Amino acid sequence: MQIGKAKISPSGFVADYKSYWFGTSDAEEAFYLAAILNSDVIDQMIKPYQSRGKFGPRDIGRLPFEFNLPRFDPEKKLHKQIAALGLKATQEAADLPKMSRLKIKAAIPLMKEINKLVL
């Protein structure tokens, strides 16, 4: 799979106790889920339940999935819009220099649109 300038070829991936993996053959579904999981809406929902470390909240684990996220439905216009924005945001993120997740989110203007749709 090609995303922007990055080529992703998952092979031999091992998920440990802090890694979660979701496989889909539908790219729209993947971008939909990525957009939702990176939205400020989900971040604010899980914040009260996150463990805290020296530098603040961490280890989201499976918390986002405790909030009954809607499964991707290709028949729903809203889901397709979120997926399309997720793809564009992923492409924009691929062109950014390496930086923290929060800085990347702030550098992608599309995240504001995604946040409005995820509400």
PDB file of N, CA and C in Angstrom:
ATOM      1  N   MET A   1       0.848  -1.170   0.000  1.00  0.00           N
ATOM      2  CA  MET A   1       0.000   0.000   0.000  1.00  0.00           C
ATOM      3  C   MET A   1       0.895   1.235   0.000  1.00  0.00           C
ATOM      4  N   GLN A   2       0.564   2.200  -0.820  1.00  0.00           N
ATOM      5  CA  GLN A   2       1.312   3.447  -0.913  1.00  0.00           C
ATOM      6  C   GLN A   2       0.483   4.550  -0.263  1.00  0.00           C
ATOM      7  N   ILE A   3       1.061   5.255   0.699  1.00  0.00           N
ATOM      8  CA  ILE A   3       0.409   6.388   1.343  1.00  0.00           C
ATOM      9  C   ILE A   3       1.365   7.559   1.236  1.00  0.00           C
ATOM     10  N   GLY A   4       1.029   8.498   0.360  1.00  0.00           N
ATOM     11  CA  GLY A   4       1.941   9.610   0.127  1.00  0.00           C
ATOM     12  C   GLY A   4       3.262   9.067  -0.395  1.00  0.00           C
ATOM     13  N   LYS A   5       4.340   9.441   0.257  1.00  0.00           N
ATOM     14  CA  LYS A   5       5.669   8.975  -0.141  1.00  0.00           C
ATOM     15  C   LYS A   5       6.061   7.689   0.574  1.00  0.00           C
ATOM     16  N   ALA A   6       5.245   7.275   1.521  1.00  0.00           N
ATOM     17  CA  ALA A   6       5.567   6.096   2.330  1.00  0.00           C
ATOM     18  C   ALA A   6       4.918   4.848   1.738  1.00  0.00           C
ATOM     19  N   LYS A   7       5.713   3.805   1.620  1.00  0.00           N
ATOM     20  CA  LYS A   7       5.187   2.516   1.184  1.00  0.00           C
ATOM     21  C   LYS A   7       5.096   1.623   2.415  1.00  0.00           C
ATOM     22  N   ILE A   8       3.910   1.097   2.656  1.00  0.00           N
ATOM     23  CA  ILE A   8       3.688   0.255   3.823  1.00  0.00           C
ATOM     24  C   ILE A   8       3.462  -1.170   3.345  1.00  0.00           C
ATOM     25  N   SER A   9       4.294  -2.064   3.820  1.00  0.00           N
ATOM     26  CA  SER A   9       4.180  -3.477   3.465  1.00  0.00           C
ATOM     27  C   SER A   9       4.227  -4.311   4.735  1.00  0.00           C
ATOM     28  N   PRO A  10       3.099  -4.406   5.441  1.00  0.00           N
ATOM     29  CA  PRO A  10       3.117  -5.200   6.674  1.00  0.00           C
ATOM     30  C   PRO A  10       3.492  -6.641   6.370  1.00  0.00           C
ATOM     31  N   SER A  11       4.447  -7.130   7.115  1.00  0.00           N
ATOM     32  CA  SER A  11       4.903  -8.491   6.915  1.00  0.00           C
ATOM     33  C   SER A  11       5.572  -8.961   8.193  1.00  0.00           C
ATOM     34  N   GLY A  12       5.097 -10.036   8.746  1.00  0.00           N
ATOM     35  CA  GLY A  12       5.713 -10.567   9.947  1.00  0.00           C
ATOM     36  C   GLY A  12       5.529  -9.674  11.157  1.00  0.00           C
ATOM     37  N   PHE A  13       4.464  -8.895  11.187  1.00  0.00           N
ATOM     38  CA  PHE A  13       4.203  -7.992  12.304  1.00  0.00           C
ATOM     39  C   PHE A  13       3.805  -8.786  13.539  1.00  0.00           C
ATOM     40  N   VAL A  14       4.386  -8.444  14.668  1.00  0.00           N
ATOM     41  CA  VAL A  14       4.047  -9.092  15.930  1.00  0.00           C
ATOM     42  C   VAL A  14       3.490  -8.040  16.874  1.00  0.00           C
ATOM     43  N   ALA A  15       2.274  -8.244  17.353  1.00  0.00           N
ATOM     44  CA  ALA A  15       1.664  -7.323  18.305  1.00  0.00           C
ATOM     45  C   ALA A  15       1.956  -7.842  19.707  1.00  0.00           C
ATOM     46  N   ASP A  16       2.493  -6.977  20.555  1.00  0.00           N
ATOM     47  CA  ASP A  16       2.738  -7.406  21.934  1.00  0.00           C
ATOM     48  C   ASP A  16       1.601  -6.914  22.820  1.00  0.00           C
ATOM     49  N   TYR A  17       1.794  -6.899  24.111  1.00  0.00           N
ATOM     50  CA  TYR A  17       0.706  -6.575  25.021  1.00  0.00           C
ATOM     51  C   TYR A  17       0.267  -5.113  24.966  1.00  0.00           C
ATOM     52  N   LYS A  18       1.012  -4.230  24.326  1.00  0.00           N
ATOM     53  CA  LYS A  18       0.612  -2.827  24.200  1.00  0.00           C
ATOM     54  C   LYS A  18       0.280  -2.455  22.765  1.00  0.00           C
ATOM     55  N   SER A  19       0.296  -3.404  21.876  1.00  0.00           N
ATOM     56  CA  SER A  19      -0.004  -3.146  20.474  1.00  0.00           C
ATOM     57  C   SER A  19      -1.312  -3.827  20.116  1.00  0.00           C
ATOM     58  N   TYR A  20      -2.112  -3.121  19.344  1.00  0.00           N
ATOM     59  CA  TYR A  20      -3.354  -3.697  18.865  1.00  0.00           C
ATOM     60  C   TYR A  20      -3.337  -3.629  17.357  1.00  0.00           C
ATOM     61  N   TRP A  21      -3.939  -4.609  16.744  1.00  0.00           N
ATOM     62  CA  TRP A  21      -3.888  -4.735  15.308  1.00  0.00           C
ATOM     63  C   TRP A  21      -5.297  -4.948  14.785  1.00  0.00           C
ATOM     64  N   PHE A  22      -5.584  -4.315  13.671  1.00  0.00           N
ATOM     65  CA  PHE A  22      -6.866  -4.499  13.011  1.00  0.00           C
ATOM     66  C   PHE A  22      -6.587  -4.677  11.531  1.00  0.00           C
ATOM     67  N   GLY A  23      -7.073  -5.728  10.960  1.00  0.00           N
ATOM     68  CA  GLY A  23      -6.859  -5.981   9.542  1.00  0.00           C
ATOM     69  C   GLY A  23      -8.144  -5.790   8.757  1.00  0.00           C
ATOM     70  N   THR A  24      -8.020  -5.144   7.619  1.00  0.00           N
ATOM     71  CA  THR A  24      -9.152  -4.979   6.726  1.00  0.00           C
ATOM     72  C   THR A  24      -8.640  -4.948   5.295  1.00  0.00           C
ATOM     73  N   SER A  25      -9.436  -5.433   4.393  1.00  0.00           N
ATOM     74  CA  SER A  25      -9.064  -5.358   2.981  1.00  0.00           C
ATOM     75  C   SER A  25      -9.705  -4.139   2.326  1.00  0.00           C
ATOM     76  N   ASP A  26     -10.391  -3.337   3.123  1.00  0.00           N
ATOM     77  CA  ASP A  26     -11.083  -2.142   2.627  1.00  0.00           C
ATOM     78  C   ASP A  26     -10.320  -0.896   3.084  1.00  0.00           C
ATOM     79  N   ALA A  27      -9.654  -0.234   2.158  1.00  0.00           N
ATOM     80  CA  ALA A  27      -8.863   0.957   2.488  1.00  0.00           C
ATOM     81  C   ALA A  27      -9.736   2.058   3.085  1.00  0.00           C
ATOM     82  N   GLU A  28     -10.967   2.200   2.584  1.00  0.00           N
ATOM     83  CA  GLU A  28     -11.869   3.219   3.136  1.00  0.00           C
ATOM     84  C   GLU A  28     -12.129   2.970   4.619  1.00  0.00           C
ATOM     85  N   GLU A  29     -12.342   1.725   4.966  1.00  0.00           N
ATOM     86  CA  GLU A  29     -12.579   1.375   6.363  1.00  0.00           C
ATOM     87  C   GLU A  29     -11.359   1.719   7.216  1.00  0.00           C
ATOM     88  N   ALA A  30     -10.176   1.446   6.691  1.00  0.00           N
ATOM     89  CA  ALA A  30      -8.943   1.735   7.429  1.00  0.00           C
ATOM     90  C   ALA A  30      -8.784   3.237   7.662  1.00  0.00           C
ATOM     91  N   PHE A  31      -9.033   4.049   6.637  1.00  0.00           N
ATOM     92  CA  PHE A  31      -8.887   5.495   6.789  1.00  0.00           C
ATOM     93  C   PHE A  31      -9.987   6.080   7.675  1.00  0.00           C
ATOM     94  N   TYR A  32     -11.173   5.502   7.620  1.00  0.00           N
ATOM     95  CA  TYR A  32     -12.275   5.902   8.502  1.00  0.00           C
ATOM     96  C   TYR A  32     -11.871   5.685   9.960  1.00  0.00           C
ATOM     97  N   LEU A  33     -11.373   4.499  10.253  1.00  0.00           N
ATOM     98  CA  LEU A  33     -10.982   4.170  11.621  1.00  0.00           C
ATOM     99  C   LEU A  33      -9.799   5.028  12.076  1.00  0.00           C
ATOM    100  N   ALA A  34      -8.823   5.232  11.196  1.00  0.00           N
ATOM    101  CA  ALA A  34      -7.666   6.067  11.541  1.00  0.00           C
ATOM    102  C   ALA A  34      -8.105   7.498  11.852  1.00  0.00           C
ATOM    103  N   ALA A  35      -9.033   8.025  11.065  1.00  0.00           N
ATOM    104  CA  ALA A  35      -9.525   9.391  11.299  1.00  0.00           C
ATOM    105  C   ALA A  35     -10.218   9.483  12.653  1.00  0.00           C
ATOM    106  N   ILE A  36     -11.079   8.530  12.947  1.00  0.00           N
ATOM    107  CA  ILE A  36     -11.808   8.552  14.218  1.00  0.00           C
ATOM    108  C   ILE A  36     -10.853   8.397  15.398  1.00  0.00           C
ATOM    109  N   LEU A  37      -9.938   7.449  15.308  1.00  0.00           N
ATOM    110  CA  LEU A  37      -9.025   7.208  16.427  1.00  0.00           C
ATOM    111  C   LEU A  37      -8.067   8.370  16.672  1.00  0.00           C
ATOM    112  N   ASN A  38      -7.815   9.176  15.650  1.00  0.00           N
ATOM    113  CA  ASN A  38      -6.934  10.330  15.813  1.00  0.00           C
ATOM    114  C   ASN A  38      -7.692  11.622  16.084  1.00  0.00           C
ATOM    115  N   SER A  39      -9.001  11.541  16.179  1.00  0.00           N
ATOM    116  CA  SER A  39      -9.806  12.743  16.410  1.00  0.00           C
ATOM    117  C   SER A  39      -9.682  13.216  17.859  1.00  0.00           C
ATOM    118  N   ASP A  40      -9.891  14.511  18.030  1.00  0.00           N
ATOM    119  CA  ASP A  40      -9.898  15.080  19.382  1.00  0.00           C
ATOM    120  C   ASP A  40     -11.085  14.569  20.192  1.00  0.00           C
ATOM    121  N   VAL A  41     -12.145  14.206  19.503  1.00  0.00           N
ATOM    122  CA  VAL A  41     -13.350  13.703  20.173  1.00  0.00           C
ATOM    123  C   VAL A  41     -13.009  12.447  20.975  1.00  0.00           C
ATOM    124  N   ILE A  42     -12.358  11.492  20.330  1.00  0.00           N
ATOM    125  CA  ILE A  42     -11.977  10.257  21.021  1.00  0.00           C
ATOM    126  C   ILE A  42     -10.964  10.555  22.111  1.00  0.00           C
ATOM    127  N   ASP A  43     -10.012  11.419  21.808  1.00  0.00           N
ATOM    128  CA  ASP A  43      -8.990  11.781  22.794  1.00  0.00           C
ATOM    129  C   ASP A  43      -9.636  12.338  24.068  1.00  0.00           C
ATOM    130  N   GLN A  44     -10.614  13.213  23.922  1.00  0.00           N
ATOM    131  CA  GLN A  44     -11.290  13.800  25.087  1.00  0.00           C
ATOM    132  C   GLN A  44     -12.144  12.766  25.830  1.00  0.00           C
ATOM    133  N   MET A  45     -12.713  11.828  25.095  1.00  0.00           N
ATOM    134  CA  MET A  45     -13.543  10.805  25.737  1.00  0.00           C
ATOM    135  C   MET A  45     -12.708   9.873  26.613  1.00  0.00           C
ATOM    136  N   ILE A  46     -11.512   9.510  26.156  1.00  0.00           N
ATOM    137  CA  ILE A  46     -10.717   8.527  26.895  1.00  0.00           C
ATOM    138  C   ILE A  46      -9.848   9.155  27.985  1.00  0.00           C
ATOM    139  N   LYS A  47      -9.599  10.451  27.893  1.00  0.00           N
ATOM    140  CA  LYS A  47      -8.669  11.124  28.812  1.00  0.00           C
ATOM    141  C   LYS A  47      -8.925  10.800  30.287  1.00  0.00           C
ATOM    142  N   PRO A  48     -10.159  10.854  30.786  1.00  0.00           N
ATOM    143  CA  PRO A  48     -10.389  10.583  32.210  1.00  0.00           C
ATOM    144  C   PRO A  48     -10.038   9.153  32.641  1.00  0.00           C
ATOM    145  N   TYR A  49      -9.949   8.237  31.685  1.00  0.00           N
ATOM    146  CA  TYR A  49      -9.727   6.834  32.005  1.00  0.00           C
ATOM    147  C   TYR A  49      -8.299   6.364  31.745  1.00  0.00           C
ATOM    148  N   GLN A  50      -7.477   7.229  31.185  1.00  0.00           N
ATOM    149  CA  GLN A  50      -6.103   6.859  30.853  1.00  0.00           C
ATOM    150  C   GLN A  50      -5.225   6.812  32.092  1.00  0.00           C
ATOM    151  N   SER A  51      -4.263   5.896  32.049  1.00  0.00           N
ATOM    152  CA  SER A  51      -3.256   5.895  33.107  1.00  0.00           C
ATOM    153  C   SER A  51      -2.395   7.141  32.919  1.00  0.00           C
ATOM    154  N   ARG A  52      -1.780   7.579  33.997  1.00  0.00           N
ATOM    155  CA  ARG A  52      -0.951   8.784  33.930  1.00  0.00           C
ATOM    156  C   ARG A  52       0.476   8.425  34.292  1.00  0.00           C
ATOM    157  N   GLY A  53       1.384   9.047  33.563  1.00  0.00           N
ATOM    158  CA  GLY A  53       2.801   8.872  33.829  1.00  0.00           C
ATOM    159  C   GLY A  53       3.422  10.209  34.176  1.00  0.00           C
ATOM    160  N   LYS A  54       4.703  10.237  34.233  1.00  0.00           N
ATOM    161  CA  LYS A  54       5.438  11.454  34.588  1.00  0.00           C
ATOM    162  C   LYS A  54       5.108  12.620  33.651  1.00  0.00           C
ATOM    163  N   PHE A  55       4.836  12.309  32.383  1.00  0.00           N
ATOM    164  CA  PHE A  55       4.586  13.354  31.398  1.00  0.00           C
ATOM    165  C   PHE A  55       3.114  13.452  30.999  1.00  0.00           C
ATOM    166  N   GLY A  56       2.212  12.954  31.825  1.00  0.00           N
ATOM    167  CA  GLY A  56       0.781  13.075  31.556  1.00  0.00           C
ATOM    168  C   GLY A  56       0.136  11.770  31.145  1.00  0.00           C
ATOM    169  N   PRO A  57      -1.092  11.866  30.569  1.00  0.00           N
ATOM    170  CA  PRO A  57      -1.835  10.667  30.178  1.00  0.00           C
ATOM    171  C   PRO A  57      -1.078   9.845  29.143  1.00  0.00           C
ATOM    172  N   ARG A  58      -1.245   8.516  29.234  1.00  0.00           N
ATOM    173  CA  ARG A  58      -0.577   7.617  28.297  1.00  0.00           C
ATOM    174  C   ARG A  58      -1.339   6.308  28.214  1.00  0.00           C
ATOM    175  N   ASP A  59      -0.855   5.402  27.421  1.00  0.00           N
ATOM    176  CA  ASP A  59      -1.409   4.049  27.309  1.00  0.00           C
ATOM    177  C   ASP A  59      -2.920   4.036  27.078  1.00  0.00           C
ATOM    178  N   ILE A  60      -3.319   4.326  25.850  1.00  0.00           N
ATOM    179  CA  ILE A  60      -4.753   4.324  25.583  1.00  0.00           C
ATOM    180  C   ILE A  60      -5.328   2.916  25.519  1.00  0.00           C
ATOM    181  N   GLY A  61      -4.488   1.933  25.198  1.00  0.00           N
ATOM    182  CA  GLY A  61      -4.965   0.555  25.160  1.00  0.00           C
ATOM    183  C   GLY A  61      -6.204   0.409  24.307  1.00  0.00           C
ATOM    184  N   ARG A  62      -7.198  -0.243  24.847  1.00  0.00           N
ATOM    185  CA  ARG A  62      -8.455  -0.473  24.122  1.00  0.00           C
ATOM    186  C   ARG A  62      -9.530   0.551  24.484  1.00  0.00           C
ATOM    187  N   LEU A  63      -9.160   1.597  25.227  1.00  0.00           N
ATOM    188  CA  LEU A  63     -10.149   2.581  25.673  1.00  0.00           C
ATOM    189  C   LEU A  63     -11.057   3.124  24.571  1.00  0.00           C
ATOM    190  N   PRO A  64     -10.544   3.487  23.398  1.00  0.00           N
ATOM    191  CA  PRO A  64     -11.451   4.030  22.378  1.00  0.00           C
ATOM    192  C   PRO A  64     -12.592   3.078  22.021  1.00  0.00           C
ATOM    193  N   PHE A  65     -12.348   1.777  22.142  1.00  0.00           N
ATOM    194  CA  PHE A  65     -13.356   0.810  21.756  1.00  0.00           C
ATOM    195  C   PHE A  65     -14.382   0.541  22.855  1.00  0.00           C
ATOM    196  N   GLU A  66     -14.188   1.168  24.002  1.00  0.00           N
ATOM    197  CA  GLU A  66     -15.171   1.086  25.083  1.00  0.00           C
ATOM    198  C   GLU A  66     -16.340   2.043  24.840  1.00  0.00           C
ATOM    199  N   PHE A  67     -16.214   2.901  23.830  1.00  0.00           N
ATOM    200  CA  PHE A  67     -17.222   3.925  23.573  1.00  0.00           C
ATOM    201  C   PHE A  67     -18.098   3.616  22.371  1.00  0.00           C
ATOM    202  N   ASN A  68     -18.164   2.349  22.011  1.00  0.00           N
ATOM    203  CA  ASN A  68     -19.093   1.908  20.975  1.00  0.00           C
ATOM    204  C   ASN A  68     -18.939   2.697  19.668  1.00  0.00           C
ATOM    205  N   LEU A  69     -17.738   2.695  19.116  1.00  0.00           N
ATOM    206  CA  LEU A  69     -17.492   3.377  17.847  1.00  0.00           C
ATOM    207  C   LEU A  69     -18.340   2.749  16.755  1.00  0.00           C
ATOM    208  N   PRO A  70     -18.965   3.566  15.910  1.00  0.00           N
ATOM    209  CA  PRO A  70     -19.764   2.995  14.825  1.00  0.00           C
ATOM    210  C   PRO A  70     -18.877   2.280  13.807  1.00  0.00           C
ATOM    211  N   ARG A  71     -19.252   1.053  13.463  1.00  0.00           N
ATOM    212  CA  ARG A  71     -18.511   0.313  12.431  1.00  0.00           C
ATOM    213  C   ARG A  71     -18.678   1.021  11.097  1.00  0.00           C
ATOM    214  N   PHE A  72     -17.662   0.931  10.269  1.00  0.00           N
ATOM    215  CA  PHE A  72     -17.702   1.563   8.957  1.00  0.00           C
ATOM    216  C   PHE A  72     -18.824   0.963   8.118  1.00  0.00           C
ATOM    217  N   ASP A  73     -19.635   1.837   7.552  1.00  0.00           N
ATOM    218  CA  ASP A  73     -20.718   1.421   6.666  1.00  0.00           C
ATOM    219  C   ASP A  73     -20.556   2.197   5.362  1.00  0.00           C
ATOM    220  N   PRO A  74     -20.120   1.535   4.291  1.00  0.00           N
ATOM    221  CA  PRO A  74     -19.880   2.233   3.031  1.00  0.00           C
ATOM    222  C   PRO A  74     -21.136   2.845   2.415  1.00  0.00           C
ATOM    223  N   GLU A  75     -22.297   2.495   2.946  1.00  0.00           N
ATOM    224  CA  GLU A  75     -23.551   3.064   2.447  1.00  0.00           C
ATOM    225  C   GLU A  75     -23.859   4.418   3.107  1.00  0.00           C
ATOM    226  N   LYS A  76     -23.155   4.748   4.189  1.00  0.00           N
ATOM    227  CA  LYS A  76     -23.417   6.004   4.902  1.00  0.00           C
ATOM    228  C   LYS A  76     -22.496   7.102   4.382  1.00  0.00           C
ATOM    229  N   LYS A  77     -23.112   8.189   3.952  1.00  0.00           N
ATOM    230  CA  LYS A  77     -22.362   9.320   3.398  1.00  0.00           C
ATOM    231  C   LYS A  77     -21.356   9.862   4.412  1.00  0.00           C
ATOM    232  N   LEU A  78     -21.754   9.979   5.668  1.00  0.00           N
ATOM    233  CA  LEU A  78     -20.875  10.503   6.716  1.00  0.00           C
ATOM    234  C   LEU A  78     -19.624   9.641   6.859  1.00  0.00           C
ATOM    235  N   HIS A  79     -19.790   8.333   6.833  1.00  0.00           N
ATOM    236  CA  HIS A  79     -18.653   7.424   6.969  1.00  0.00           C
ATOM    237  C   HIS A  79     -17.699   7.578   5.790  1.00  0.00           C
ATOM    238  N   LYS A  80     -18.251   7.746   4.605  1.00  0.00           N
ATOM    239  CA  LYS A  80     -17.413   7.930   3.420  1.00  0.00           C
ATOM    240  C   LYS A  80     -16.672   9.269   3.483  1.00  0.00           C
ATOM    241  N   GLN A  81     -17.332  10.304   4.011  1.00  0.00           N
ATOM    242  CA  GLN A  81     -16.679  11.612   4.162  1.00  0.00           C
ATOM    243  C   GLN A  81     -15.510  11.513   5.151  1.00  0.00           C
ATOM    244  N   ILE A  82     -15.744  10.854   6.262  1.00  0.00           N
ATOM    245  CA  ILE A  82     -14.683  10.693   7.274  1.00  0.00           C
ATOM    246  C   ILE A  82     -13.522   9.898   6.686  1.00  0.00           C
ATOM    247  N   ALA A  83     -13.821   8.852   5.934  1.00  0.00           N
ATOM    248  CA  ALA A  83     -12.773   8.037   5.309  1.00  0.00           C
ATOM    249  C   ALA A  83     -11.954   8.866   4.317  1.00  0.00           C
ATOM    250  N   ALA A  84     -12.626   9.676   3.516  1.00  0.00           N
ATOM    251  CA  ALA A  84     -11.927  10.508   2.526  1.00  0.00           C
ATOM    252  C   ALA A  84     -11.010  11.516   3.218  1.00  0.00           C
ATOM    253  N   LEU A  85     -11.505  12.126   4.285  1.00  0.00           N
ATOM    254  CA  LEU A  85     -10.666  13.062   5.040  1.00  0.00           C
ATOM    255  C   LEU A  85      -9.521  12.331   5.733  1.00  0.00           C
ATOM    256  N   GLY A  86      -9.787  11.122   6.201  1.00  0.00           N
ATOM    257  CA  GLY A  86      -8.731  10.316   6.816  1.00  0.00           C
ATOM    258  C   GLY A  86      -7.607  10.017   5.833  1.00  0.00           C
ATOM    259  N   LEU A  87      -7.962   9.726   4.598  1.00  0.00           N
ATOM    260  CA  LEU A  87      -6.963   9.485   3.555  1.00  0.00           C
ATOM    261  C   LEU A  87      -6.139  10.746   3.314  1.00  0.00           C
ATOM    262  N   LYS A  88      -6.816  11.885   3.147  1.00  0.00           N
ATOM    263  CA  LYS A  88      -6.101  13.146   2.889  1.00  0.00           C
ATOM    264  C   LYS A  88      -5.191  13.516   4.059  1.00  0.00           C
ATOM    265  N   ALA A  89      -5.695  13.343   5.281  1.00  0.00           N
ATOM    266  CA  ALA A  89      -4.886  13.664   6.471  1.00  0.00           C
ATOM    267  C   ALA A  89      -3.664  12.750   6.549  1.00  0.00           C
ATOM    268  N   THR A  90      -3.840  11.483   6.197  1.00  0.00           N
ATOM    269  CA  THR A  90      -2.721  10.535   6.198  1.00  0.00           C
ATOM    270  C   THR A  90      -1.673  10.961   5.180  1.00  0.00           C
ATOM    271  N   GLN A  91      -2.124  11.388   4.017  1.00  0.00           N
ATOM    272  CA  GLN A  91      -1.195  11.853   2.984  1.00  0.00           C
ATOM    273  C   GLN A  91      -0.447  13.099   3.453  1.00  0.00           C
ATOM    274  N   GLU A  92      -1.153  14.019   4.108  1.00  0.00           N
ATOM    275  CA  GLU A  92      -0.503  15.230   4.625  1.00  0.00           C
ATOM    276  C   GLU A  92       0.518  14.865   5.706  1.00  0.00           C
ATOM    277  N   ALA A  93       0.164  13.931   6.575  1.00  0.00           N
ATOM    278  CA  ALA A  93       1.068  13.525   7.655  1.00  0.00           C
ATOM    279  C   ALA A  93       2.337  12.883   7.091  1.00  0.00           C
ATOM    280  N   ALA A  94       2.210  12.158   5.982  1.00  0.00           N
ATOM    281  CA  ALA A  94       3.375  11.490   5.382  1.00  0.00           C
ATOM    282  C   ALA A  94       4.393  12.504   4.880  1.00  0.00           C
ATOM    283  N   ASP A  95       3.939  13.706   4.548  1.00  0.00           N
ATOM    284  CA  ASP A  95       4.838  14.738   4.027  1.00  0.00           C
ATOM    285  C   ASP A  95       5.477  15.587   5.128  1.00  0.00           C
ATOM    286  N   LEU A  96       5.073  15.370   6.371  1.00  0.00           N
ATOM    287  CA  LEU A  96       5.611  16.159   7.480  1.00  0.00           C
ATOM    288  C   LEU A  96       6.908  15.547   8.002  1.00  0.00           C
ATOM    289  N   PRO A  97       7.772  16.388   8.575  1.00  0.00           N
ATOM    290  CA  PRO A  97       8.970  15.822   9.206  1.00  0.00           C
ATOM    291  C   PRO A  97       8.571  15.038  10.453  1.00  0.00           C
ATOM    292  N   LYS A  98       9.462  14.211  10.941  1.00  0.00           N
ATOM    293  CA  LYS A  98       9.180  13.414  12.130  1.00  0.00           C
ATOM    294  C   LYS A  98       8.980  14.340  13.319  1.00  0.00           C
ATOM    295  N   MET A  99       7.844  14.179  13.998  1.00  0.00           N
ATOM    296  CA  MET A  99       7.523  14.976  15.185  1.00  0.00           C
ATOM    297  C   MET A  99       6.496  14.221  16.009  1.00  0.00           C
ATOM    298  N   SER A 100       6.145  14.759  17.159  1.00  0.00           N
ATOM    299  CA  SER A 100       5.197  14.072  18.036  1.00  0.00           C
ATOM    300  C   SER A 100       3.815  13.995  17.395  1.00  0.00           C
ATOM    301  N   ARG A 101       3.032  13.040  17.860  1.00  0.00           N
ATOM    302  CA  ARG A 101       1.663  12.855  17.352  1.00  0.00           C
ATOM    303  C   ARG A 101       0.844  14.126  17.507  1.00  0.00           C
ATOM    304  N   LEU A 102       0.968  14.803  18.651  1.00  0.00           N
ATOM    305  CA  LEU A 102       0.199  16.022  18.879  1.00  0.00           C
ATOM    306  C   LEU A 102       0.598  17.127  17.922  1.00  0.00           C
ATOM    307  N   LYS A 103       1.886  17.250  17.642  1.00  0.00           N
ATOM    308  CA  LYS A 103       2.342  18.269  16.698  1.00  0.00           C
ATOM    309  C   LYS A 103       1.882  17.944  15.284  1.00  0.00           C
ATOM    310  N   ILE A 104       1.877  16.669  14.952  1.00  0.00           N
ATOM    311  CA  ILE A 104       1.396  16.267  13.624  1.00  0.00           C
ATOM    312  C   ILE A 104      -0.086  16.617  13.494  1.00  0.00           C
ATOM    313  N   LYS A 105      -0.874  16.278  14.509  1.00  0.00           N
ATOM    314  CA  LYS A 105      -2.308  16.589  14.466  1.00  0.00           C
ATOM    315  C   LYS A 105      -2.542  18.084  14.316  1.00  0.00           C
ATOM    316  N   ALA A 106      -1.751  18.896  15.010  1.00  0.00           N
ATOM    317  CA  ALA A 106      -1.892  20.354  14.937  1.00  0.00           C
ATOM    318  C   ALA A 106      -1.472  20.882  13.564  1.00  0.00           C
ATOM    319  N   ALA A 107      -0.572  20.184  12.892  1.00  0.00           N
ATOM    320  CA  ALA A 107      -0.062  20.635  11.594  1.00  0.00           C
ATOM    321  C   ALA A 107      -0.965  20.229  10.432  1.00  0.00           C
ATOM    322  N   ILE A 108      -1.993  19.468  10.707  1.00  0.00           N
ATOM    323  CA  ILE A 108      -2.893  19.002   9.647  1.00  0.00           C
ATOM    324  C   ILE A 108      -4.248  19.711   9.798  1.00  0.00           C
ATOM    325  N   PRO A 109      -4.497  20.730   8.985  1.00  0.00           N
ATOM    326  CA  PRO A 109      -5.757  21.480   9.090  1.00  0.00           C
ATOM    327  C   PRO A 109      -7.007  20.612   8.943  1.00  0.00           C
ATOM    328  N   LEU A 110      -6.912  19.526   8.192  1.00  0.00           N
ATOM    329  CA  LEU A 110      -8.073  18.645   7.991  1.00  0.00           C
ATOM    330  C   LEU A 110      -8.584  18.035   9.287  1.00  0.00           C
ATOM    331  N   MET A 111      -7.738  17.989  10.328  1.00  0.00           N
ATOM    332  CA  MET A 111      -8.183  17.407  11.597  1.00  0.00           C
ATOM    333  C   MET A 111      -9.370  18.172  12.170  1.00  0.00           C
ATOM    334  N   LYS A 112      -9.456  19.467  11.903  1.00  0.00           N
ATOM    335  CA  LYS A 112     -10.607  20.254  12.380  1.00  0.00           C
ATOM    336  C   LYS A 112     -11.886  19.773  11.721  1.00  0.00           C
ATOM    337  N   GLU A 113     -11.812  19.501  10.423  1.00  0.00           N
ATOM    338  CA  GLU A 113     -12.994  18.986   9.703  1.00  0.00           C
ATOM    339  C   GLU A 113     -13.364  17.587  10.216  1.00  0.00           C
ATOM    340  N   ILE A 114     -12.354  16.760  10.433  1.00  0.00           N
ATOM    341  CA  ILE A 114     -12.608  15.420  10.949  1.00  0.00           C
ATOM    342  C   ILE A 114     -13.280  15.508  12.310  1.00  0.00           C
ATOM    343  N   ASN A 115     -12.782  16.371  13.181  1.00  0.00           N
ATOM    344  CA  ASN A 115     -13.362  16.530  14.516  1.00  0.00           C
ATOM    345  C   ASN A 115     -14.837  16.918  14.439  1.00  0.00           C
ATOM    346  N   LYS A 116     -15.187  17.805  13.510  1.00  0.00           N
ATOM    347  CA  LYS A 116     -16.592  18.223  13.359  1.00  0.00           C
ATOM    348  C   LYS A 116     -17.476  17.052  12.932  1.00  0.00           C
ATOM    349  N   LEU A 117     -16.951  16.208  12.058  1.00  0.00           N
ATOM    350  CA  LEU A 117     -17.757  15.085  11.555  1.00  0.00           C
ATOM    351  C   LEU A 117     -17.876  13.954  12.575  1.00  0.00           C
ATOM    352  N   VAL A 118     -16.837  13.777  13.403  1.00  0.00           N
ATOM    353  CA  VAL A 118     -16.842  12.681  14.365  1.00  0.00           C
ATOM    354  C   VAL A 118     -17.776  12.971  15.535  1.00  0.00           C
ATOM    355  N   LEU A 119     -18.042  14.240  15.813  1.00  0.00           N
ATOM    356  CA  LEU A 119     -18.950  14.581  16.918  1.00  0.00           C
ATOM    357  C   LEU A 119     -20.178  13.806  16.839  1.00  0.00           C
TER     358      LEU A 119
END
